[in-house]
Amino acid sequence: MKALMQRVTQAKVEVDGQCIGKIDHGIMLLLGVDRDDNEAKADQLLHKVLHYRFFADDDGKMNNNVQQVGGNILIVSQFTLVADTKKGLRPGFSSAAPPALGEAMYDYFVTQAQEKITVATGKFGADMQVSLTNDGPVTFMLEV
C-alpha cells in the first residue's frame, strides 16, 4: 500500500463538475493499493499518515502531525501509484490490486481514518479532477 501525501492549505476533488470532497489545511492523500495489501497494512499506513510529523511547530520545524495542527485529510484513490515504472516507457500494473480488492481496501482505509480525523474523499474508480495548493511544497511517499 502506498500513499503520496502533500501538506496543503486547501484541496478539492470534483467528479462530473461537482465538488464531492474538499478540505482546508491538512493532507491531500493519494492512496494506491497493491494486490497483496490487507487490513493490517492499511492500519499500519494510516498510523504513519496520522502521526507523520511534517507540519511546522512554533519554531518553524516539522515537528507536528496533522492531528496536532487541527488539519483534515482528503483521501483519493490513485491506481497509478502502484505502477511499475522501472523498465521501458510504459507503466506496468501487474502488482496492482484488482478493482474489488482495491475498492475494499480504500473503503477500509477511509472508514478507519474517519474514526480518528475529519476526512473528505474522492470516488473510487471515477474520473476525478483534483486541485490543491501545496503548502511548502511538502510531499512524501509512504509505503508499507
Protein backbone atom coordinates (compact mmCIF):
# COMPACT_ATOMS: atom_id res chain seq x y z
CA MET A 1 0.00 0.00 0.00
CA LYS A 2 1.32 3.41 -0.95
CA ALA A 3 0.31 6.92 0.00
CA LEU A 4 1.54 10.08 -1.63
CA MET A 5 0.76 12.80 0.89
CA GLN A 6 1.05 16.51 0.41
CA ARG A 7 0.77 19.24 3.01
CA VAL A 8 -1.89 21.61 1.66
CA THR A 9 -3.63 24.84 2.52
CA GLN A 10 -6.65 23.60 0.55
CA ALA A 11 -7.63 20.72 -1.72
CA LYS A 12 -10.73 19.52 -3.52
CA VAL A 13 -11.87 16.75 -5.82
CA GLU A 14 -14.56 17.00 -8.48
CA VAL A 15 -16.47 14.37 -10.42
CA ASP A 16 -18.55 15.45 -13.43
CA GLY A 17 -18.07 19.11 -12.49
CA GLN A 18 -19.41 18.61 -8.94
CA CYS A 19 -17.22 19.06 -5.88
CA ILE A 20 -17.51 15.83 -3.89
CA GLY A 21 -14.72 16.39 -1.36
CA LYS A 22 -12.95 19.46 -0.02
CA ILE A 23 -10.62 20.35 2.85
CA ASP A 24 -8.78 23.38 4.05
CA HIS A 25 -5.49 23.00 5.95
CA GLY A 26 -4.29 19.38 6.09
CA ILE A 27 -3.23 16.45 3.92
CA MET A 28 -4.06 15.64 0.32
CA LEU A 29 -3.53 11.87 0.24
CA LEU A 30 -3.40 9.76 -2.89
CA LEU A 31 -3.81 6.08 -1.98
CA GLY A 32 -2.59 3.15 -4.10
CA VAL A 33 -3.39 -0.47 -3.31
CA ASP A 34 -1.21 -3.46 -4.27
CA ARG A 35 -2.61 -6.94 -4.79
CA ASP A 36 -1.04 -8.23 -1.54
CA ASP A 37 -2.41 -5.46 0.67
CA ASN A 38 -4.68 -6.22 3.61
CA GLU A 39 -6.29 -4.52 6.62
CA ALA A 40 -3.14 -4.84 8.74
CA LYS A 41 -1.14 -2.94 6.12
CA ALA A 42 -3.88 -0.33 5.85
CA ASP A 43 -3.85 0.14 9.64
CA GLN A 44 -0.05 0.48 9.61
CA LEU A 45 -0.14 3.04 6.80
CA LEU A 46 -2.91 5.05 8.45
CA HIS A 47 -0.92 5.18 11.69
CA LYS A 48 2.05 6.59 9.75
CA VAL A 49 -0.11 9.15 7.94
CA LEU A 50 -1.75 10.40 11.14
CA HIS A 51 1.48 10.59 13.11
CA TYR A 52 3.95 11.71 10.42
CA ARG A 53 5.49 14.96 11.59
CA PHE A 54 5.57 17.28 8.62
CA PHE A 55 3.69 20.32 9.87
CA ALA A 56 5.55 23.23 11.39
CA ASP A 57 5.72 23.89 15.12
CA ASP A 58 6.02 27.37 16.63
CA ASP A 59 9.71 27.44 15.66
CA GLY A 60 9.01 26.55 12.03
CA LYS A 61 10.39 23.00 12.35
CA MET A 62 8.49 19.95 11.10
CA ASN A 63 7.55 18.54 14.49
CA ASN A 64 3.74 18.34 14.37
CA ASN A 65 1.40 15.83 12.79
CA VAL A 66 -1.93 16.56 11.10
CA GLN A 67 -3.92 15.96 14.28
CA GLN A 68 -1.75 18.33 16.32
CA VAL A 69 -2.41 21.18 13.89
CA GLY A 70 -6.17 20.52 13.61
CA GLY A 71 -5.91 19.53 9.95
CA ASN A 72 -8.13 17.32 7.80
CA ILE A 73 -7.40 14.70 5.14
CA LEU A 74 -8.70 14.41 1.58
CA ILE A 75 -8.26 10.77 0.51
CA VAL A 76 -8.36 9.95 -3.21
CA SER A 77 -7.82 6.50 -4.72
CA GLN A 78 -4.87 6.53 -7.14
CA PHE A 79 -4.43 3.31 -9.12
CA THR A 80 -1.37 4.62 -10.95
CA LEU A 81 0.68 4.95 -7.74
CA VAL A 82 1.35 1.22 -7.77
CA ALA A 83 2.63 1.17 -11.35
CA ASP A 84 5.95 -0.48 -12.09
CA THR A 85 8.00 2.18 -13.87
CA LYS A 86 11.44 0.57 -13.65
CA LYS A 87 11.59 -0.71 -17.23
CA GLY A 88 10.69 0.84 -20.53
CA LEU A 89 8.48 3.80 -21.24
CA ARG A 90 5.09 2.37 -20.36
CA PRO A 91 3.90 1.66 -16.81
CA GLY A 92 3.02 -1.89 -15.78
CA PHE A 93 0.17 -2.61 -13.41
CA SER A 94 0.60 -6.32 -12.67
CA SER A 95 1.18 -5.66 -8.96
CA ALA A 96 -1.94 -3.50 -8.59
CA ALA A 97 -4.91 -4.84 -6.67
CA PRO A 98 -7.86 -5.99 -8.76
CA PRO A 99 -10.73 -3.46 -8.60
CA ALA A 100 -12.77 -5.32 -5.95
CA LEU A 101 -9.81 -5.59 -3.55
CA GLY A 102 -8.68 -2.05 -4.33
CA GLU A 103 -12.10 -0.64 -3.51
CA ALA A 104 -12.45 -2.75 -0.36
CA MET A 105 -9.04 -1.62 0.93
CA TYR A 106 -9.76 2.02 0.00
CA ASP A 107 -13.11 1.89 1.81
CA TYR A 108 -11.49 0.24 4.84
CA PHE A 109 -8.73 2.87 4.98
CA VAL A 110 -11.27 5.71 4.73
CA THR A 111 -13.52 4.20 7.42
CA GLN A 112 -10.62 3.76 9.82
CA ALA A 113 -9.41 7.32 9.15
CA GLN A 114 -12.89 8.74 9.77
CA GLU A 115 -12.81 7.31 13.28
CA LYS A 116 -9.77 9.47 14.07
CA ILE A 117 -9.94 12.67 11.98
CA THR A 118 -12.20 14.64 9.65
CA VAL A 119 -11.99 13.09 6.18
CA ALA A 120 -13.18 14.08 2.71
CA THR A 121 -12.91 11.63 -0.19
CA GLY A 122 -12.92 11.16 -3.88
CA LYS A 123 -14.92 8.39 -5.59
CA PHE A 124 -13.22 5.07 -6.22
CA GLY A 125 -12.81 4.32 -9.91
CA ALA A 126 -14.20 7.68 -11.07
CA ASP A 127 -12.57 10.14 -13.44
CA MET A 128 -11.69 12.83 -10.90
CA GLN A 129 -10.25 16.30 -11.15
CA VAL A 130 -8.12 17.14 -8.13
CA SER A 131 -6.87 20.61 -7.31
CA LEU A 132 -4.80 21.75 -4.38
CA THR A 133 -2.49 24.36 -3.02
CA ASN A 134 0.63 22.54 -1.88
CA ASP A 135 2.00 24.15 1.29
CA GLY A 136 5.78 24.39 1.14
CA PRO A 137 5.72 22.39 -1.09
CA VAL A 138 5.98 19.42 1.23
CA THR A 139 5.32 15.97 -0.28
CA PHE A 140 6.19 12.48 0.98
CA MET A 141 5.66 8.93 -0.34
CA LEU A 142 4.83 6.44 2.41
CA GLU A 143 4.84 2.69 1.82
CA VAL A 144 4.12 -0.34 3.99
